Amino acid sequence: MPNGSLSLPARLCLLAWDPARPGSADTARVHHLVRAGALTELAQRGLLIDDEGIATPVDQDSRTGDAVLDGLLDLVRESMPHRWRSWVRLYAGTTFDAVREQLVADGYLRAEKKRVLGVFPSVDHVLARVAAATVLREETRYAIEGPAPAGDASERDAAVAALAAAAELRTLGPAGTGARRESRIAELIERSGAAAPGLRKIVGEVWGAVSAETARAVASTGG
């Protein structure tokens, strides 16, 4: 993946950005995807664990040094207990907004001021590093559809591919169907959760939530 310092939610946000449709990523479907990425990264880092289906901070003090991840960690600590699938939805837009601003600060996106109807101020966020986004899309498509074993991917890259597939991102092209694709996604989920006991369950729960939210969004819009 390009620019390996990007967090998992930042990669998913960048993947969703269509250079031909600057505002298309700012949707509930993408908000849920980006939040799922943040939950997954916190779980992969061992900072969120599963307690009988509840997303639970491992302690009250650990930090990642990433403002978006630490913000979500604080939110989970300060809120009443919720299941993983609930956290994919709850206040997901706040995580998306924070990741988008990170991408602006890092030069991946550019904020362009405009006026709606010539009067009301607004901002378009457009891709500034198109080549980086293109490479990320190509490598994610390869992870989903390519011949290399899923086990060859890093845990983070496998999670990016599995979650992006669940969200059926337009930027990745047709989602595809069939037993081979389903098997591949299962392998990517398995690889995403390989680091620790119980992590596979967490990734599966988060993936299932994204998939369900995507199906709901597709049904409500007709595609």
C-alpha atoms as a PDB file:
ATOM      1  CA  MET A   1       0.000   0.000   0.000  1.00  0.00           C
ATOM      2  CA  PRO A   2       1.268   3.534  -0.648  1.00  0.00           C
ATOM      3  CA  ASN A   3       2.165   5.773   2.277  1.00  0.00           C
ATOM      4  CA  GLY A   4       2.175   3.061   4.920  1.00  0.00           C
ATOM      5  CA  SER A   5       1.780   5.580   7.724  1.00  0.00           C
ATOM      6  CA  LEU A   6      -1.887   6.079   6.825  1.00  0.00           C
ATOM      7  CA  SER A   7      -4.252   4.532   9.348  1.00  0.00           C
ATOM      8  CA  LEU A   8      -6.759   1.904   8.308  1.00  0.00           C
ATOM      9  CA  PRO A   9      -9.716   4.352   8.421  1.00  0.00           C
ATOM     10  CA  ALA A  10      -7.714   6.903   6.419  1.00  0.00           C
ATOM     11  CA  ARG A  11      -7.005   4.325   3.709  1.00  0.00           C
ATOM     12  CA  LEU A  12     -10.666   3.381   3.516  1.00  0.00           C
ATOM     13  CA  CYS A  13     -11.701   7.038   3.307  1.00  0.00           C
ATOM     14  CA  LEU A  14      -9.189   7.661   0.532  1.00  0.00           C
ATOM     15  CA  LEU A  15     -10.396   4.554  -1.315  1.00  0.00           C
ATOM     16  CA  ALA A  16     -13.937   5.908  -1.305  1.00  0.00           C
ATOM     17  CA  TRP A  17     -12.970   9.225  -2.908  1.00  0.00           C
ATOM     18  CA  ASP A  18     -14.068   9.396  -6.529  1.00  0.00           C
ATOM     19  CA  PRO A  19     -12.091  12.082  -8.416  1.00  0.00           C
ATOM     20  CA  ALA A  20     -15.038  12.549 -10.765  1.00  0.00           C
ATOM     21  CA  ARG A  21     -17.554  13.021  -7.931  1.00  0.00           C
ATOM     22  CA  PRO A  22     -15.905  15.015  -5.096  1.00  0.00           C
ATOM     23  CA  GLY A  23     -18.848  14.846  -2.679  1.00  0.00           C
ATOM     24  CA  SER A  24     -19.782  11.223  -3.255  1.00  0.00           C
ATOM     25  CA  ALA A  25     -17.778   9.894  -0.291  1.00  0.00           C
ATOM     26  CA  ASP A  26     -19.744  11.956   2.220  1.00  0.00           C
ATOM     27  CA  THR A  27     -22.518   9.398   2.640  1.00  0.00           C
ATOM     28  CA  ALA A  28     -23.725   7.238   5.515  1.00  0.00           C
ATOM     29  CA  ARG A  29     -22.340   4.161   3.760  1.00  0.00           C
ATOM     30  CA  VAL A  30     -18.818   5.587   3.704  1.00  0.00           C
ATOM     31  CA  HIS A  31     -19.185   6.973   7.235  1.00  0.00           C
ATOM     32  CA  HIS A  32     -19.930   3.448   8.441  1.00  0.00           C
ATOM     33  CA  LEU A  33     -17.001   2.052   6.467  1.00  0.00           C
ATOM     34  CA  VAL A  34     -14.525   4.553   7.911  1.00  0.00           C
ATOM     35  CA  ARG A  35     -15.797   3.940  11.456  1.00  0.00           C
ATOM     36  CA  ALA A  36     -15.460   0.188  10.874  1.00  0.00           C
ATOM     37  CA  GLY A  37     -11.863   0.734   9.853  1.00  0.00           C
ATOM     38  CA  ALA A  38     -11.151   2.673  13.046  1.00  0.00           C
ATOM     39  CA  LEU A  39     -12.748  -0.035  15.209  1.00  0.00           C
ATOM     40  CA  THR A  40     -10.757  -2.712  13.405  1.00  0.00           C
ATOM     41  CA  GLU A  41      -7.457  -0.894  13.837  1.00  0.00           C
ATOM     42  CA  LEU A  42      -8.083  -0.366  17.550  1.00  0.00           C
ATOM     43  CA  ALA A  43      -8.851  -4.075  17.876  1.00  0.00           C
ATOM     44  CA  GLN A  44      -5.763  -5.057  15.879  1.00  0.00           C
ATOM     45  CA  ARG A  45      -3.680  -2.869  18.202  1.00  0.00           C
ATOM     46  CA  GLY A  46      -5.191  -4.630  21.217  1.00  0.00           C
ATOM     47  CA  LEU A  47      -6.822  -1.463  22.585  1.00  0.00           C
ATOM     48  CA  LEU A  48     -10.408  -2.651  22.054  1.00  0.00           C
ATOM     49  CA  ILE A  49     -11.311  -6.196  23.009  1.00  0.00           C
ATOM     50  CA  ASP A  50     -14.473  -8.258  22.861  1.00  0.00           C
ATOM     51  CA  ASP A  51     -16.360  -8.915  26.094  1.00  0.00           C
ATOM     52  CA  GLU A  52     -19.334 -11.132  25.254  1.00  0.00           C
ATOM     53  CA  GLY A  53     -20.012  -9.127  22.115  1.00  0.00           C
ATOM     54  CA  ILE A  54     -19.354  -5.714  23.672  1.00  0.00           C
ATOM     55  CA  ALA A  55     -16.582  -3.452  22.349  1.00  0.00           C
ATOM     56  CA  THR A  56     -14.510  -2.877  25.487  1.00  0.00           C
ATOM     57  CA  PRO A  57     -11.408  -0.706  26.030  1.00  0.00           C
ATOM     58  CA  VAL A  58      -8.547  -2.746  27.465  1.00  0.00           C
ATOM     59  CA  ASP A  59      -7.769   0.072  29.929  1.00  0.00           C
ATOM     60  CA  GLN A  60      -8.479   3.751  30.605  1.00  0.00           C
ATOM     61  CA  ASP A  61      -5.098   5.188  29.690  1.00  0.00           C
ATOM     62  CA  SER A  62      -3.655   3.723  26.473  1.00  0.00           C
ATOM     63  CA  ARG A  63      -3.214   6.025  23.478  1.00  0.00           C
ATOM     64  CA  THR A  64      -2.271   5.481  19.838  1.00  0.00           C
ATOM     65  CA  GLY A  65      -0.921   8.927  18.999  1.00  0.00           C
ATOM     66  CA  ASP A  66      -3.471   9.181  16.178  1.00  0.00           C
ATOM     67  CA  ALA A  67      -6.100  11.831  16.931  1.00  0.00           C
ATOM     68  CA  VAL A  68      -8.905   9.974  15.131  1.00  0.00           C
ATOM     69  CA  LEU A  69      -8.256   6.628  16.797  1.00  0.00           C
ATOM     70  CA  ASP A  70      -7.762   8.202  20.217  1.00  0.00           C
ATOM     71  CA  GLY A  71     -10.969  10.212  19.767  1.00  0.00           C
ATOM     72  CA  LEU A  72     -12.944   7.040  19.091  1.00  0.00           C
ATOM     73  CA  LEU A  73     -11.256   5.253  21.969  1.00  0.00           C
ATOM     74  CA  ASP A  74     -12.284   8.084  24.301  1.00  0.00           C
ATOM     75  CA  LEU A  75     -15.842   7.969  22.952  1.00  0.00           C
ATOM     76  CA  VAL A  76     -16.111   4.236  23.671  1.00  0.00           C
ATOM     77  CA  ARG A  77     -14.671   4.717  27.162  1.00  0.00           C
ATOM     78  CA  GLU A  78     -17.067   7.537  28.006  1.00  0.00           C
ATOM     79  CA  SER A  79     -20.221   5.951  26.574  1.00  0.00           C
ATOM     80  CA  MET A  80     -22.477   3.214  27.798  1.00  0.00           C
ATOM     81  CA  PRO A  81     -21.467  -0.256  26.532  1.00  0.00           C
ATOM     82  CA  HIS A  82     -22.413  -1.097  22.948  1.00  0.00           C
ATOM     83  CA  ARG A  83     -21.925  -4.026  20.630  1.00  0.00           C
ATOM     84  CA  TRP A  84     -19.518  -3.786  17.710  1.00  0.00           C
ATOM     85  CA  ARG A  85     -22.291  -3.470  15.161  1.00  0.00           C
ATOM     86  CA  SER A  86     -23.785  -0.540  17.055  1.00  0.00           C
ATOM     87  CA  TRP A  87     -20.445   1.270  17.108  1.00  0.00           C
ATOM     88  CA  VAL A  88     -20.191   0.998  13.326  1.00  0.00           C
ATOM     89  CA  ARG A  89     -23.219   3.332  13.165  1.00  0.00           C
ATOM     90  CA  LEU A  90     -23.166   5.514  16.310  1.00  0.00           C
ATOM     91  CA  TYR A  91     -21.821   9.006  15.574  1.00  0.00           C
ATOM     92  CA  ALA A  92     -19.964   7.560  12.578  1.00  0.00           C
ATOM     93  CA  GLY A  93     -19.976  10.923  10.826  1.00  0.00           C
ATOM     94  CA  THR A  94     -17.683  12.383  13.476  1.00  0.00           C
ATOM     95  CA  THR A  95     -15.004   9.815  12.668  1.00  0.00           C
ATOM     96  CA  PHE A  96     -15.419  10.415   8.944  1.00  0.00           C
ATOM     97  CA  ASP A  97     -15.082  14.196   9.372  1.00  0.00           C
ATOM     98  CA  ALA A  98     -11.948  13.798  11.489  1.00  0.00           C
ATOM     99  CA  VAL A  99     -10.341  11.415   8.988  1.00  0.00           C
ATOM    100  CA  ARG A 100     -11.181  13.736   6.096  1.00  0.00           C
ATOM    101  CA  GLU A 101      -9.454  16.602   7.880  1.00  0.00           C
ATOM    102  CA  GLN A 102      -6.414  14.372   8.478  1.00  0.00           C
ATOM    103  CA  LEU A 103      -6.254  13.632   4.760  1.00  0.00           C
ATOM    104  CA  VAL A 104      -6.441  17.356   4.016  1.00  0.00           C
ATOM    105  CA  ALA A 105      -3.650  18.065   6.497  1.00  0.00           C
ATOM    106  CA  ASP A 106      -1.504  15.312   4.978  1.00  0.00           C
ATOM    107  CA  GLY A 107      -2.064  16.590   1.430  1.00  0.00           C
ATOM    108  CA  TYR A 108      -4.161  13.700   0.108  1.00  0.00           C
ATOM    109  CA  LEU A 109      -7.278  15.872  -0.207  1.00  0.00           C
ATOM    110  CA  ARG A 110      -7.652  19.568  -0.954  1.00  0.00           C
ATOM    111  CA  ALA A 111     -10.451  21.733   0.466  1.00  0.00           C
ATOM    112  CA  GLU A 112     -11.847  24.122  -2.158  1.00  0.00           C
ATOM    113  CA  LYS A 113     -14.236  26.861  -1.113  1.00  0.00           C
ATOM    114  CA  LYS A 114     -17.272  27.547  -3.266  1.00  0.00           C
ATOM    115  CA  ARG A 115     -20.701  29.181  -3.073  1.00  0.00           C
ATOM    116  CA  VAL A 116     -23.939  27.282  -3.567  1.00  0.00           C
ATOM    117  CA  LEU A 117     -26.384  29.225  -5.756  1.00  0.00           C
ATOM    118  CA  GLY A 118     -23.763  31.937  -5.756  1.00  0.00           C
ATOM    119  CA  VAL A 119     -24.604  32.845  -2.149  1.00  0.00           C
ATOM    120  CA  PHE A 120     -24.105  30.130   0.481  1.00  0.00           C
ATOM    121  CA  PRO A 121     -20.485  29.264   1.365  1.00  0.00           C
ATOM    122  CA  SER A 122     -19.536  25.607   1.066  1.00  0.00           C
ATOM    123  CA  VAL A 123     -16.443  23.429   0.640  1.00  0.00           C
ATOM    124  CA  ASP A 124     -15.621  20.687  -1.844  1.00  0.00           C
ATOM    125  CA  HIS A 125     -12.955  18.165  -0.900  1.00  0.00           C
ATOM    126  CA  VAL A 126     -11.115  16.930  -3.972  1.00  0.00           C
ATOM    127  CA  LEU A 127      -8.301  14.451  -4.454  1.00  0.00           C
ATOM    128  CA  ALA A 128      -4.923  16.178  -4.403  1.00  0.00           C
ATOM    129  CA  ARG A 129      -2.781  13.034  -4.628  1.00  0.00           C
ATOM    130  CA  VAL A 130      -4.583  11.169  -7.388  1.00  0.00           C
ATOM    131  CA  ALA A 131      -1.673   8.810  -8.044  1.00  0.00           C
ATOM    132  CA  ALA A 132      -1.601   7.627  -4.427  1.00  0.00           C
ATOM    133  CA  ALA A 133      -5.349   6.951  -4.489  1.00  0.00           C
ATOM    134  CA  THR A 134      -5.011   5.087  -7.798  1.00  0.00           C
ATOM    135  CA  VAL A 135      -2.296   2.805  -6.459  1.00  0.00           C
ATOM    136  CA  LEU A 136      -4.341   2.142  -3.336  1.00  0.00           C
ATOM    137  CA  ARG A 137      -7.366   1.158  -5.444  1.00  0.00           C
ATOM    138  CA  GLU A 138      -5.301  -1.119  -7.678  1.00  0.00           C
ATOM    139  CA  GLU A 139      -3.680  -2.886  -4.746  1.00  0.00           C
ATOM    140  CA  THR A 140      -7.006  -3.304  -2.972  1.00  0.00           C
ATOM    141  CA  ARG A 141      -8.613  -4.775  -6.087  1.00  0.00           C
ATOM    142  CA  TYR A 142      -5.661  -7.156  -6.378  1.00  0.00           C
ATOM    143  CA  ALA A 143      -6.079  -8.233  -2.751  1.00  0.00           C
ATOM    144  CA  ILE A 144      -9.753  -8.997  -3.411  1.00  0.00           C
ATOM    145  CA  GLU A 145      -9.468 -10.582  -6.861  1.00  0.00           C
ATOM    146  CA  GLY A 146      -5.815 -11.456  -7.458  1.00  0.00           C
ATOM    147  CA  PRO A 147      -4.199 -14.898  -7.496  1.00  0.00           C
ATOM    148  CA  ALA A 148      -1.856 -14.401  -4.514  1.00  0.00           C
ATOM    149  CA  PRO A 149      -2.943 -16.138  -1.285  1.00  0.00           C
ATOM    150  CA  ALA A 150      -4.768 -13.913   1.177  1.00  0.00           C
ATOM    151  CA  GLY A 151      -2.180 -14.942   3.738  1.00  0.00           C
ATOM    152  CA  ASP A 152       0.445 -12.978   1.804  1.00  0.00           C
ATOM    153  CA  ALA A 153      -1.281  -9.696   2.701  1.00  0.00           C
ATOM    154  CA  SER A 154      -0.525  -7.846   5.911  1.00  0.00           C
ATOM    155  CA  GLU A 155      -3.296  -7.836   8.502  1.00  0.00           C
ATOM    156  CA  ARG A 156      -4.010  -4.166   7.789  1.00  0.00           C
ATOM    157  CA  ASP A 157      -4.121  -4.625   4.001  1.00  0.00           C
ATOM    158  CA  ALA A 158      -6.394  -7.648   4.389  1.00  0.00           C
ATOM    159  CA  ALA A 159      -8.755  -5.621   6.577  1.00  0.00           C
ATOM    160  CA  VAL A 160      -8.809  -2.750   4.060  1.00  0.00           C
ATOM    161  CA  ALA A 161      -9.709  -5.150   1.249  1.00  0.00           C
ATOM    162  CA  ALA A 162     -12.357  -7.046   3.203  1.00  0.00           C
ATOM    163  CA  LEU A 163     -14.101  -3.917   4.493  1.00  0.00           C
ATOM    164  CA  ALA A 164     -13.927  -2.141   1.130  1.00  0.00           C
ATOM    165  CA  ALA A 165     -15.521  -5.204  -0.480  1.00  0.00           C
ATOM    166  CA  ALA A 166     -18.284  -5.180   2.140  1.00  0.00           C
ATOM    167  CA  ALA A 167     -19.036  -1.533   1.340  1.00  0.00           C
ATOM    168  CA  GLU A 168     -19.138  -2.253  -2.423  1.00  0.00           C
ATOM    169  CA  LEU A 169     -17.246   0.938  -3.174  1.00  0.00           C
ATOM    170  CA  ARG A 170     -17.963   2.318  -6.638  1.00  0.00           C
ATOM    171  CA  THR A 171     -14.321   3.312  -6.990  1.00  0.00           C
ATOM    172  CA  LEU A 172     -13.338  -0.389  -6.972  1.00  0.00           C
ATOM    173  CA  GLY A 173     -15.642  -1.270  -9.853  1.00  0.00           C
ATOM    174  CA  PRO A 174     -18.330  -3.998  -9.937  1.00  0.00           C
ATOM    175  CA  ALA A 175     -18.559  -5.897  -6.656  1.00  0.00           C
ATOM    176  CA  GLY A 176     -18.746  -9.342  -8.234  1.00  0.00           C
ATOM    177  CA  THR A 177     -20.472 -12.408  -6.881  1.00  0.00           C
ATOM    178  CA  GLY A 178     -19.972 -16.126  -6.576  1.00  0.00           C
ATOM    179  CA  ALA A 179     -18.407 -18.711  -4.319  1.00  0.00           C
ATOM    180  CA  ARG A 180     -14.836 -17.732  -5.188  1.00  0.00           C
ATOM    181  CA  ARG A 181     -15.355 -14.146  -4.084  1.00  0.00           C
ATOM    182  CA  GLU A 182     -17.112 -15.215  -0.886  1.00  0.00           C
ATOM    183  CA  SER A 183     -14.263 -17.601  -0.130  1.00  0.00           C
ATOM    184  CA  ARG A 184     -11.709 -14.885  -0.779  1.00  0.00           C
ATOM    185  CA  ILE A 185     -13.459 -12.430   1.556  1.00  0.00           C
ATOM    186  CA  ALA A 186     -13.572 -15.098   4.261  1.00  0.00           C
ATOM    187  CA  GLU A 187      -9.821 -15.629   3.843  1.00  0.00           C
ATOM    188  CA  LEU A 188      -9.176 -11.885   4.077  1.00  0.00           C
ATOM    189  CA  ILE A 189     -11.257 -11.642   7.257  1.00  0.00           C
ATOM    190  CA  GLU A 190      -9.335 -14.577   8.692  1.00  0.00           C
ATOM    191  CA  ARG A 191      -6.054 -12.873   7.843  1.00  0.00           C
ATOM    192  CA  SER A 192      -7.268  -9.566   9.328  1.00  0.00           C
ATOM    193  CA  GLY A 193      -7.862 -11.260  12.666  1.00  0.00           C
ATOM    194  CA  ALA A 194      -4.778 -13.465  12.750  1.00  0.00           C
ATOM    195  CA  ALA A 195      -2.866 -11.498  15.393  1.00  0.00           C
ATOM    196  CA  ALA A 196      -4.702 -12.577  18.521  1.00  0.00           C
ATOM    197  CA  PRO A 197      -7.412 -14.939  19.803  1.00  0.00           C
ATOM    198  CA  GLY A 198     -10.827 -13.341  19.489  1.00  0.00           C
ATOM    199  CA  LEU A 199      -9.756 -10.803  16.869  1.00  0.00           C
ATOM    200  CA  ARG A 200     -11.219 -12.890  14.054  1.00  0.00           C
ATOM    201  CA  LYS A 201     -14.638 -12.634  15.730  1.00  0.00           C
ATOM    202  CA  ILE A 202     -14.313  -8.859  16.068  1.00  0.00           C
ATOM    203  CA  VAL A 203     -13.348  -8.354  12.428  1.00  0.00           C
ATOM    204  CA  GLY A 204     -16.196 -10.625  11.363  1.00  0.00           C
ATOM    205  CA  GLU A 205     -18.690  -8.622  13.430  1.00  0.00           C
ATOM    206  CA  VAL A 206     -17.497  -5.301  12.038  1.00  0.00           C
ATOM    207  CA  TRP A 207     -17.461  -6.660   8.475  1.00  0.00           C
ATOM    208  CA  GLY A 208     -20.999  -7.970   8.936  1.00  0.00           C
ATOM    209  CA  ALA A 209     -22.182  -4.567  10.123  1.00  0.00           C
ATOM    210  CA  VAL A 210     -20.697  -2.806   7.083  1.00  0.00           C
ATOM    211  CA  SER A 211     -22.193  -5.397   4.761  1.00  0.00           C
ATOM    212  CA  ALA A 212     -25.640  -5.018   6.347  1.00  0.00           C
ATOM    213  CA  GLU A 213     -25.520  -1.215   6.217  1.00  0.00           C
ATOM    214  CA  THR A 214     -24.440  -1.379   2.569  1.00  0.00           C
ATOM    215  CA  ALA A 215     -27.298  -3.722   1.677  1.00  0.00           C
ATOM    216  CA  ARG A 216     -29.721  -1.363   3.412  1.00  0.00           C
ATOM    217  CA  ALA A 217     -28.338   1.650   1.556  1.00  0.00           C
ATOM    218  CA  VAL A 218     -28.501  -0.126  -1.806  1.00  0.00           C
ATOM    219  CA  ALA A 219     -32.087  -1.214  -1.183  1.00  0.00           C
ATOM    220  CA  SER A 220     -33.184   2.306  -0.225  1.00  0.00           C
ATOM    221  CA  THR A 221     -31.611   3.952  -3.261  1.00  0.00           C
ATOM    222  CA  GLY A 222     -32.161   1.212  -5.807  1.00  0.00           C
ATOM    223  CA  GLY A 223     -28.415   0.729  -6.371  1.00  0.00           C
END
